[in-house]
């Protein structure tokens, strides 16, 4: 009888603790979890593990808007430049005034929506891929979890990308614009600082024939360097910590689960860049 009474008391206490914990999660809400993801990610990921909530939708919207922010600025300013001066074409390629007018009229809406939808689509696909790969590897390493938790982890672990997007957008606004996207590659090689001040108009056909393109190895190194910024590393660390907490695996297995597919992705990106450049140039 004493043991049964003790068990009932423990069950009641556990129920009250869980109810208090649930109330705390509801009370803290999205803002608190967002802050925890930055300063105390273990607490945020414990919420993902123990509670089902739809607040991740707000985080997903934040990440999408923040990552799209600099892209929207780039697209809008590129459109403005295109409408003002027309396409900046290399020597030997000409359009009639009517063709240029048609392009200037059709470009804004098409370019804006295609660019924006493309960014959103890529972000969603990346989250799906990450959640699926992590779920597969977690099961292979002996852990147990579900796709929904890993999907929420992929979303919340993208908060560093949101911060990066906001900072990049602010930088573009403060810088006062972007340089033309179509610039003379030949002029850039001759004088990198001055090449950004003009377009193809400053280059002659001889400049293009004399131009020596970068090697496949150099382009591969550029692609590798672009994947090693501080925000991407921060995101990887959040994913590793999240797997440790949600799947209850040690740090070595969690690191392998995240770093193996990440390294494969980098290798594919770098290899494809080098391969394409060998056929292009």
C-alpha atoms as a PDB file:
ATOM      1  CA  UNK A   1       0.000   0.000   0.000  1.00  0.00           C
ATOM      2  CA  UNK A   2       2.798   2.368   0.894  1.00  0.00           C
ATOM      3  CA  UNK A   3       4.530   1.747  -2.428  1.00  0.00           C
ATOM      4  CA  UNK A   4       1.301   2.333  -4.376  1.00  0.00           C
ATOM      5  CA  UNK A   5       0.672   5.557  -2.494  1.00  0.00           C
ATOM      6  CA  UNK A   6       4.243   6.690  -3.177  1.00  0.00           C
ATOM      7  CA  UNK A   7       3.788   5.913  -6.878  1.00  0.00           C
ATOM      8  CA  UNK A   8       0.552   7.916  -7.001  1.00  0.00           C
ATOM      9  CA  UNK A   9       2.220  10.851  -5.305  1.00  0.00           C
ATOM     10  CA  UNK A  10       5.153  10.739  -7.741  1.00  0.00           C
ATOM     11  CA  UNK A  11       2.752  10.535 -10.697  1.00  0.00           C
ATOM     12  CA  UNK A  12       0.777  13.498  -9.389  1.00  0.00           C
ATOM     13  CA  UNK A  13       3.943  15.532  -8.838  1.00  0.00           C
ATOM     14  CA  UNK A  14       5.199  14.675 -12.329  1.00  0.00           C
ATOM     15  CA  UNK A  15       1.834  15.695 -13.785  1.00  0.00           C
ATOM     16  CA  UNK A  16       1.924  19.029 -11.982  1.00  0.00           C
ATOM     17  CA  UNK A  17       5.501  19.648 -13.128  1.00  0.00           C
ATOM     18  CA  UNK A  18       4.551  18.873 -16.737  1.00  0.00           C
ATOM     19  CA  UNK A  19       1.504  21.159 -16.509  1.00  0.00           C
ATOM     20  CA  UNK A  20       3.680  23.948 -15.101  1.00  0.00           C
ATOM     21  CA  UNK A  21       6.219  23.365 -17.858  1.00  0.00           C
ATOM     22  CA  UNK A  22       3.500  23.487 -20.519  1.00  0.00           C
ATOM     23  CA  UNK A  23       2.154  26.715 -19.025  1.00  0.00           C
ATOM     24  CA  UNK A  24       5.655  28.205 -19.086  1.00  0.00           C
ATOM     25  CA  UNK A  25       6.092  27.291 -22.767  1.00  0.00           C
ATOM     26  CA  UNK A  26       2.748  28.822 -23.679  1.00  0.00           C
ATOM     27  CA  UNK A  27       3.468  31.922 -21.623  1.00  0.00           C
ATOM     28  CA  UNK A  28       6.971  32.432 -23.003  1.00  0.00           C
ATOM     29  CA  UNK A  29       5.787  32.031 -26.576  1.00  0.00           C
ATOM     30  CA  UNK A  30       7.601  32.595 -29.836  1.00  0.00           C
ATOM     31  CA  UNK A  31       9.697  35.582 -28.796  1.00  0.00           C
ATOM     32  CA  UNK A  32      11.204  33.737 -25.865  1.00  0.00           C
ATOM     33  CA  UNK A  33      12.054  30.677 -27.941  1.00  0.00           C
ATOM     34  CA  UNK A  34      13.586  32.887 -30.613  1.00  0.00           C
ATOM     35  CA  UNK A  35      15.801  34.533 -28.004  1.00  0.00           C
ATOM     36  CA  UNK A  36      16.667  31.143 -26.511  1.00  0.00           C
ATOM     37  CA  UNK A  37      17.738  29.890 -29.937  1.00  0.00           C
ATOM     38  CA  UNK A  38      20.345  32.650 -29.981  1.00  0.00           C
ATOM     39  CA  UNK A  39      21.537  32.731 -26.369  1.00  0.00           C
ATOM     40  CA  UNK A  40      20.425  29.360 -24.914  1.00  0.00           C
ATOM     41  CA  UNK A  41      19.708  26.981 -27.818  1.00  0.00           C
ATOM     42  CA  UNK A  42      19.590  23.897 -25.604  1.00  0.00           C
ATOM     43  CA  UNK A  43      16.477  25.260 -23.918  1.00  0.00           C
ATOM     44  CA  UNK A  44      14.863  26.032 -27.275  1.00  0.00           C
ATOM     45  CA  UNK A  45      15.568  22.532 -28.600  1.00  0.00           C
ATOM     46  CA  UNK A  46      14.177  20.939 -25.441  1.00  0.00           C
ATOM     47  CA  UNK A  47      10.918  22.690 -26.242  1.00  0.00           C
ATOM     48  CA  UNK A  48      11.021  21.214 -29.757  1.00  0.00           C
ATOM     49  CA  UNK A  49      11.641  17.765 -28.299  1.00  0.00           C
ATOM     50  CA  UNK A  50       8.965  17.845 -25.593  1.00  0.00           C
ATOM     51  CA  UNK A  51       6.209  20.016 -27.074  1.00  0.00           C
ATOM     52  CA  UNK A  52       4.357  20.261 -30.355  1.00  0.00           C
ATOM     53  CA  UNK A  53       3.691  23.826 -31.342  1.00  0.00           C
ATOM     54  CA  UNK A  54       2.992  25.855 -34.465  1.00  0.00           C
ATOM     55  CA  UNK A  55       5.221  28.779 -33.475  1.00  0.00           C
ATOM     56  CA  UNK A  56       7.824  27.434 -35.901  1.00  0.00           C
ATOM     57  CA  UNK A  57       5.639  28.900 -38.659  1.00  0.00           C
ATOM     58  CA  UNK A  58       6.513  32.399 -37.432  1.00  0.00           C
ATOM     59  CA  UNK A  59      10.190  31.480 -37.446  1.00  0.00           C
ATOM     60  CA  UNK A  60       9.887  30.085 -40.968  1.00  0.00           C
ATOM     61  CA  UNK A  61       8.296  33.342 -42.143  1.00  0.00           C
ATOM     62  CA  UNK A  62      11.007  35.347 -40.402  1.00  0.00           C
ATOM     63  CA  UNK A  63      13.786  33.324 -42.050  1.00  0.00           C
ATOM     64  CA  UNK A  64      12.162  33.494 -45.495  1.00  0.00           C
ATOM     65  CA  UNK A  65      11.603  37.251 -45.279  1.00  0.00           C
ATOM     66  CA  UNK A  66      15.077  37.916 -43.868  1.00  0.00           C
ATOM     67  CA  UNK A  67      16.891  35.765 -46.434  1.00  0.00           C
ATOM     68  CA  UNK A  68      14.780  37.313 -49.213  1.00  0.00           C
ATOM     69  CA  UNK A  69      15.452  40.865 -47.970  1.00  0.00           C
ATOM     70  CA  UNK A  70      18.867  41.384 -49.644  1.00  0.00           C
ATOM     71  CA  UNK A  71      17.752  39.445 -52.715  1.00  0.00           C
ATOM     72  CA  UNK A  72      14.750  41.766 -53.137  1.00  0.00           C
ATOM     73  CA  UNK A  73      17.020  44.827 -52.874  1.00  0.00           C
ATOM     74  CA  UNK A  74      19.405  43.392 -55.467  1.00  0.00           C
ATOM     75  CA  UNK A  75      16.554  42.502 -57.842  1.00  0.00           C
ATOM     76  CA  UNK A  76      14.852  45.892 -57.487  1.00  0.00           C
ATOM     77  CA  UNK A  77      18.022  47.878 -58.062  1.00  0.00           C
ATOM     78  CA  UNK A  78      19.061  45.699 -60.973  1.00  0.00           C
ATOM     79  CA  UNK A  79      15.630  46.290 -62.509  1.00  0.00           C
ATOM     80  CA  UNK A  80      15.961  50.036 -61.918  1.00  0.00           C
ATOM     81  CA  UNK A  81      19.337  50.080 -63.635  1.00  0.00           C
ATOM     82  CA  UNK A  82      18.012  47.991 -66.511  1.00  0.00           C
ATOM     83  CA  UNK A  83      15.016  50.292 -67.007  1.00  0.00           C
ATOM     84  CA  UNK A  84      17.181  53.385 -66.886  1.00  0.00           C
ATOM     85  CA  UNK A  85      19.968  52.379 -69.251  1.00  0.00           C
ATOM     86  CA  UNK A  86      18.908  49.117 -70.877  1.00  0.00           C
ATOM     87  CA  UNK A  87      20.954  45.929 -70.963  1.00  0.00           C
ATOM     88  CA  UNK A  88      24.721  46.255 -70.677  1.00  0.00           C
ATOM     89  CA  UNK A  89      25.907  44.012 -73.495  1.00  0.00           C
ATOM     90  CA  UNK A  90      29.369  42.928 -74.632  1.00  0.00           C
ATOM     91  CA  UNK A  91      30.669  44.148 -77.992  1.00  0.00           C
ATOM     92  CA  UNK A  92      29.090  42.533 -81.030  1.00  0.00           C
ATOM     93  CA  UNK A  93      25.677  41.899 -79.423  1.00  0.00           C
ATOM     94  CA  UNK A  94      23.029  44.456 -80.327  1.00  0.00           C
ATOM     95  CA  UNK A  95      19.278  44.837 -79.945  1.00  0.00           C
ATOM     96  CA  UNK A  96      16.963  47.243 -81.706  1.00  0.00           C
ATOM     97  CA  UNK A  97      15.398  50.065 -79.697  1.00  0.00           C
ATOM     98  CA  UNK A  98      12.017  48.326 -79.941  1.00  0.00           C
ATOM     99  CA  UNK A  99      13.432  45.077 -78.532  1.00  0.00           C
ATOM    100  CA  UNK A 100      15.120  46.929 -75.689  1.00  0.00           C
ATOM    101  CA  UNK A 101      11.858  48.761 -74.885  1.00  0.00           C
ATOM    102  CA  UNK A 102       9.984  45.459 -74.793  1.00  0.00           C
ATOM    103  CA  UNK A 103      12.573  43.947 -72.443  1.00  0.00           C
ATOM    104  CA  UNK A 104      12.480  46.979 -70.182  1.00  0.00           C
ATOM    105  CA  UNK A 105       8.694  46.780 -69.960  1.00  0.00           C
ATOM    106  CA  UNK A 106       8.511  43.025 -69.322  1.00  0.00           C
ATOM    107  CA  UNK A 107      11.499  42.558 -67.026  1.00  0.00           C
ATOM    108  CA  UNK A 108      10.356  44.090 -63.676  1.00  0.00           C
ATOM    109  CA  UNK A 109       7.391  41.892 -62.745  1.00  0.00           C
ATOM    110  CA  UNK A 110       8.848  38.706 -64.197  1.00  0.00           C
ATOM    111  CA  UNK A 111      12.292  39.165 -62.645  1.00  0.00           C
ATOM    112  CA  UNK A 112      10.968  40.168 -59.231  1.00  0.00           C
ATOM    113  CA  UNK A 113       8.523  37.290 -58.783  1.00  0.00           C
ATOM    114  CA  UNK A 114      10.775  34.657 -60.324  1.00  0.00           C
ATOM    115  CA  UNK A 115      13.623  35.703 -58.049  1.00  0.00           C
ATOM    116  CA  UNK A 116      11.460  35.852 -54.917  1.00  0.00           C
ATOM    117  CA  UNK A 117       9.682  32.552 -55.556  1.00  0.00           C
ATOM    118  CA  UNK A 118      13.031  30.931 -56.326  1.00  0.00           C
ATOM    119  CA  UNK A 119      14.491  31.999 -52.970  1.00  0.00           C
ATOM    120  CA  UNK A 120      11.447  30.718 -51.034  1.00  0.00           C
ATOM    121  CA  UNK A 121      11.406  27.426 -52.928  1.00  0.00           C
ATOM    122  CA  UNK A 122      15.106  26.792 -52.271  1.00  0.00           C
ATOM    123  CA  UNK A 123      14.728  27.485 -48.536  1.00  0.00           C
ATOM    124  CA  UNK A 124      11.794  25.085 -48.184  1.00  0.00           C
ATOM    125  CA  UNK A 125      13.562  22.357 -50.152  1.00  0.00           C
ATOM    126  CA  UNK A 126      16.673  22.714 -47.997  1.00  0.00           C
ATOM    127  CA  UNK A 127      14.595  22.282 -44.826  1.00  0.00           C
ATOM    128  CA  UNK A 128      12.902  19.177 -46.213  1.00  0.00           C
ATOM    129  CA  UNK A 129      16.225  17.665 -47.298  1.00  0.00           C
ATOM    130  CA  UNK A 130      17.888  18.367 -43.970  1.00  0.00           C
ATOM    131  CA  UNK A 131      15.003  16.908 -41.956  1.00  0.00           C
ATOM    132  CA  UNK A 132      14.863  13.792 -44.152  1.00  0.00           C
ATOM    133  CA  UNK A 133      18.616  13.160 -44.117  1.00  0.00           C
ATOM    134  CA  UNK A 134      18.880  13.696 -40.356  1.00  0.00           C
ATOM    135  CA  UNK A 135      15.960  11.334 -39.738  1.00  0.00           C
ATOM    136  CA  UNK A 136      17.620   8.636 -41.844  1.00  0.00           C
ATOM    137  CA  UNK A 137      21.012   9.000 -40.167  1.00  0.00           C
ATOM    138  CA  UNK A 138      19.531   9.215 -36.670  1.00  0.00           C
ATOM    139  CA  UNK A 139      17.860   5.835 -37.212  1.00  0.00           C
ATOM    140  CA  UNK A 140      21.139   4.409 -38.540  1.00  0.00           C
ATOM    141  CA  UNK A 141      23.016   5.644 -35.453  1.00  0.00           C
ATOM    142  CA  UNK A 142      20.467   4.144 -33.065  1.00  0.00           C
ATOM    143  CA  UNK A 143      18.484   7.247 -32.165  1.00  0.00           C
ATOM    144  CA  UNK A 144      14.734   7.748 -32.259  1.00  0.00           C
ATOM    145  CA  UNK A 145      12.724  10.781 -33.248  1.00  0.00           C
ATOM    146  CA  UNK A 146      10.221  11.872 -35.894  1.00  0.00           C
ATOM    147  CA  UNK A 147      10.245  13.974 -39.033  1.00  0.00           C
ATOM    148  CA  UNK A 148       8.127  16.764 -37.526  1.00  0.00           C
ATOM    149  CA  UNK A 149      10.622  17.477 -34.749  1.00  0.00           C
ATOM    150  CA  UNK A 150      13.526  17.481 -37.178  1.00  0.00           C
ATOM    151  CA  UNK A 151      11.620  19.773 -39.542  1.00  0.00           C
ATOM    152  CA  UNK A 152      11.128  22.226 -36.674  1.00  0.00           C
ATOM    153  CA  UNK A 153      14.814  21.854 -35.795  1.00  0.00           C
ATOM    154  CA  UNK A 154      15.814  22.687 -39.378  1.00  0.00           C
ATOM    155  CA  UNK A 155      13.623  25.806 -39.242  1.00  0.00           C
ATOM    156  CA  UNK A 156      14.817  27.031 -35.855  1.00  0.00           C
ATOM    157  CA  UNK A 157      18.462  26.302 -36.667  1.00  0.00           C
ATOM    158  CA  UNK A 158      18.124  28.689 -39.634  1.00  0.00           C
ATOM    159  CA  UNK A 159      17.829  31.718 -37.320  1.00  0.00           C
ATOM    160  CA  UNK A 160      21.506  32.594 -38.011  1.00  0.00           C
ATOM    161  CA  UNK A 161      20.644  32.804 -41.720  1.00  0.00           C
ATOM    162  CA  UNK A 162      17.871  35.257 -40.847  1.00  0.00           C
ATOM    163  CA  UNK A 163      20.360  37.414 -38.951  1.00  0.00           C
ATOM    164  CA  UNK A 164      22.757  37.212 -41.895  1.00  0.00           C
ATOM    165  CA  UNK A 165      20.005  38.229 -44.313  1.00  0.00           C
ATOM    166  CA  UNK A 166      18.989  41.234 -42.209  1.00  0.00           C
ATOM    167  CA  UNK A 167      22.592  42.423 -41.859  1.00  0.00           C
ATOM    168  CA  UNK A 168      23.220  41.927 -45.589  1.00  0.00           C
ATOM    169  CA  UNK A 169      20.091  43.891 -46.475  1.00  0.00           C
ATOM    170  CA  UNK A 170      21.050  46.728 -44.146  1.00  0.00           C
ATOM    171  CA  UNK A 171      24.532  46.792 -45.661  1.00  0.00           C
ATOM    172  CA  UNK A 172      23.116  47.024 -49.173  1.00  0.00           C
ATOM    173  CA  UNK A 173      20.837  49.879 -48.128  1.00  0.00           C
ATOM    174  CA  UNK A 174      23.589  51.781 -46.352  1.00  0.00           C
ATOM    175  CA  UNK A 175      26.030  51.193 -49.208  1.00  0.00           C
ATOM    176  CA  UNK A 176      23.605  53.027 -51.471  1.00  0.00           C
ATOM    177  CA  UNK A 177      23.101  50.370 -54.090  1.00  0.00           C
ATOM    178  CA  UNK A 178      24.780  47.457 -55.800  1.00  0.00           C
ATOM    179  CA  UNK A 179      27.235  47.394 -58.607  1.00  0.00           C
ATOM    180  CA  UNK A 180      26.002  46.338 -62.045  1.00  0.00           C
ATOM    181  CA  UNK A 181      25.620  42.596 -62.248  1.00  0.00           C
ATOM    182  CA  UNK A 182      26.832  42.571 -65.843  1.00  0.00           C
ATOM    183  CA  UNK A 183      30.349  43.991 -65.744  1.00  0.00           C
ATOM    184  CA  UNK A 184      33.349  43.570 -67.934  1.00  0.00           C
ATOM    185  CA  UNK A 185      35.263  40.517 -66.785  1.00  0.00           C
ATOM    186  CA  UNK A 186      38.225  41.591 -68.858  1.00  0.00           C
ATOM    187  CA  UNK A 187      38.274  45.048 -67.273  1.00  0.00           C
ATOM    188  CA  UNK A 188      38.007  43.441 -63.846  1.00  0.00           C
ATOM    189  CA  UNK A 189      41.138  41.396 -64.480  1.00  0.00           C
ATOM    190  CA  UNK A 190      43.035  44.474 -65.716  1.00  0.00           C
ATOM    191  CA  UNK A 191      41.862  46.780 -62.928  1.00  0.00           C
ATOM    192  CA  UNK A 192      39.510  45.326 -60.293  1.00  0.00           C
ATOM    193  CA  UNK A 193      38.843  48.679 -58.594  1.00  0.00           C
ATOM    194  CA  UNK A 194      37.832  50.519 -61.753  1.00  0.00           C
ATOM    195  CA  UNK A 195      35.940  47.715 -63.443  1.00  0.00           C
ATOM    196  CA  UNK A 196      32.933  48.192 -61.197  1.00  0.00           C
ATOM    197  CA  UNK A 197      32.410  51.754 -62.354  1.00  0.00           C
ATOM    198  CA  UNK A 198      31.410  50.767 -65.868  1.00  0.00           C
ATOM    199  CA  UNK A 199      29.925  47.996 -67.927  1.00  0.00           C
ATOM    200  CA  UNK A 200      30.841  46.212 -71.082  1.00  0.00           C
ATOM    201  CA  UNK A 201      30.983  49.533 -72.879  1.00  0.00           C
ATOM    202  CA  UNK A 202      34.577  50.056 -71.712  1.00  0.00           C
ATOM    203  CA  UNK A 203      35.759  46.740 -73.175  1.00  0.00           C
ATOM    204  CA  UNK A 204      36.594  45.966 -76.755  1.00  0.00           C
ATOM    205  CA  UNK A 205      36.235  42.638 -78.558  1.00  0.00           C
ATOM    206  CA  UNK A 206      40.018  42.218 -78.255  1.00  0.00           C
ATOM    207  CA  UNK A 207      39.714  42.404 -74.460  1.00  0.00           C
ATOM    208  CA  UNK A 208      37.408  39.396 -74.428  1.00  0.00           C
ATOM    209  CA  UNK A 209      39.603  37.300 -76.716  1.00  0.00           C
ATOM    210  CA  UNK A 210      42.649  38.113 -74.563  1.00  0.00           C
ATOM    211  CA  UNK A 211      40.895  37.313 -71.307  1.00  0.00           C
ATOM    212  CA  UNK A 212      42.258  34.312 -69.379  1.00  0.00           C
ATOM    213  CA  UNK A 213      39.477  32.810 -67.241  1.00  0.00           C
ATOM    214  CA  UNK A 214      40.110  31.509 -63.720  1.00  0.00           C
ATOM    215  CA  UNK A 215      40.979  27.848 -63.451  1.00  0.00           C
ATOM    216  CA  UNK A 216      38.557  25.219 -62.246  1.00  0.00           C
ATOM    217  CA  UNK A 217      40.555  24.912 -59.028  1.00  0.00           C
ATOM    218  CA  UNK A 218      40.230  28.633 -58.319  1.00  0.00           C
ATOM    219  CA  UNK A 219      36.475  28.568 -58.920  1.00  0.00           C
ATOM    220  CA  UNK A 220      36.200  25.511 -56.665  1.00  0.00           C
ATOM    221  CA  UNK A 221      38.058  27.360 -53.911  1.00  0.00           C
ATOM    222  CA  UNK A 222      35.685  30.314 -54.316  1.00  0.00           C
ATOM    223  CA  UNK A 223      32.705  27.955 -53.950  1.00  0.00           C
ATOM    224  CA  UNK A 224      34.270  26.357 -50.848  1.00  0.00           C
ATOM    225  CA  UNK A 225      35.020  29.718 -49.232  1.00  0.00           C
ATOM    226  CA  UNK A 226      31.427  30.811 -49.838  1.00  0.00           C
ATOM    227  CA  UNK A 227      30.202  27.898 -47.712  1.00  0.00           C
ATOM    228  CA  UNK A 228      32.355  28.655 -44.662  1.00  0.00           C
ATOM    229  CA  UNK A 229      30.989  31.936 -43.350  1.00  0.00           C
ATOM    230  CA  UNK A 230      30.357  32.400 -39.629  1.00  0.00           C
ATOM    231  CA  UNK A 231      26.567  32.183 -39.964  1.00  0.00           C
ATOM    232  CA  UNK A 232      26.712  28.834 -41.773  1.00  0.00           C
ATOM    233  CA  UNK A 233      29.045  27.453 -39.106  1.00  0.00           C
ATOM    234  CA  UNK A 234      26.725  28.750 -36.384  1.00  0.00           C
ATOM    235  CA  UNK A 235      23.834  26.973 -38.088  1.00  0.00           C
ATOM    236  CA  UNK A 236      25.773  23.710 -38.252  1.00  0.00           C
ATOM    237  CA  UNK A 237      26.539  23.927 -34.537  1.00  0.00           C
ATOM    238  CA  UNK A 238      22.854  24.501 -33.775  1.00  0.00           C
ATOM    239  CA  UNK A 239      21.914  21.445 -35.848  1.00  0.00           C
ATOM    240  CA  UNK A 240      24.463  19.295 -34.011  1.00  0.00           C
ATOM    241  CA  UNK A 241      23.212  20.464 -30.618  1.00  0.00           C
ATOM    242  CA  UNK A 242      19.621  19.966 -31.736  1.00  0.00           C
ATOM    243  CA  UNK A 243      20.264  16.365 -32.775  1.00  0.00           C
ATOM    244  CA  UNK A 244      21.965  15.701 -29.432  1.00  0.00           C
ATOM    245  CA  UNK A 245      18.927  16.943 -27.519  1.00  0.00           C
ATOM    246  CA  UNK A 246      16.065  15.782 -29.744  1.00  0.00           C
ATOM    247  CA  UNK A 247      17.437  12.363 -30.743  1.00  0.00           C
ATOM    248  CA  UNK A 248      19.320  11.904 -27.434  1.00  0.00           C
ATOM    249  CA  UNK A 249      22.611  10.961 -29.074  1.00  0.00           C
ATOM    250  CA  UNK A 250      26.144  11.817 -27.977  1.00  0.00           C
ATOM    251  CA  UNK A 251      28.002  14.691 -29.560  1.00  0.00           C
ATOM    252  CA  UNK A 252      30.187  12.476 -31.775  1.00  0.00           C
ATOM    253  CA  UNK A 253      27.214  10.769 -33.426  1.00  0.00           C
ATOM    254  CA  UNK A 254      25.334  14.065 -33.684  1.00  0.00           C
ATOM    255  CA  UNK A 255      28.320  15.764 -35.307  1.00  0.00           C
ATOM    256  CA  UNK A 256      28.673  12.902 -37.790  1.00  0.00           C
ATOM    257  CA  UNK A 257      24.958  13.067 -38.643  1.00  0.00           C
ATOM    258  CA  UNK A 258      25.254  16.765 -39.545  1.00  0.00           C
ATOM    259  CA  UNK A 259      28.788  17.059 -40.896  1.00  0.00           C
ATOM    260  CA  UNK A 260      28.741  14.017 -43.199  1.00  0.00           C
ATOM    261  CA  UNK A 261      25.879  15.254 -45.440  1.00  0.00           C
ATOM    262  CA  UNK A 262      27.180  18.821 -45.182  1.00  0.00           C
ATOM    263  CA  UNK A 263      30.647  17.742 -46.356  1.00  0.00           C
ATOM    264  CA  UNK A 264      29.138  15.679 -49.172  1.00  0.00           C
ATOM    265  CA  UNK A 265      27.070  18.665 -50.264  1.00  0.00           C
ATOM    266  CA  UNK A 266      30.135  20.910 -50.270  1.00  0.00           C
ATOM    267  CA  UNK A 267      32.119  18.319 -52.223  1.00  0.00           C
ATOM    268  CA  UNK A 268      29.364  18.042 -54.830  1.00  0.00           C
ATOM    269  CA  UNK A 269      29.095  21.828 -55.117  1.00  0.00           C
ATOM    270  CA  UNK A 270      32.846  22.347 -55.430  1.00  0.00           C
ATOM    271  CA  UNK A 271      33.265  19.410 -57.828  1.00  0.00           C
ATOM    272  CA  UNK A 272      30.405  20.489 -60.072  1.00  0.00           C
ATOM    273  CA  UNK A 273      31.751  24.049 -60.166  1.00  0.00           C
ATOM    274  CA  UNK A 274      35.162  22.831 -61.257  1.00  0.00           C
ATOM    275  CA  UNK A 275      33.631  20.432 -63.788  1.00  0.00           C
ATOM    276  CA  UNK A 276      31.325  23.034 -65.336  1.00  0.00           C
ATOM    277  CA  UNK A 277      34.146  25.550 -65.567  1.00  0.00           C
ATOM    278  CA  UNK A 278      36.304  23.052 -67.432  1.00  0.00           C
ATOM    279  CA  UNK A 279      33.636  22.780 -70.140  1.00  0.00           C
ATOM    280  CA  UNK A 280      32.600  26.448 -70.119  1.00  0.00           C
ATOM    281  CA  UNK A 281      35.995  28.135 -70.517  1.00  0.00           C
END
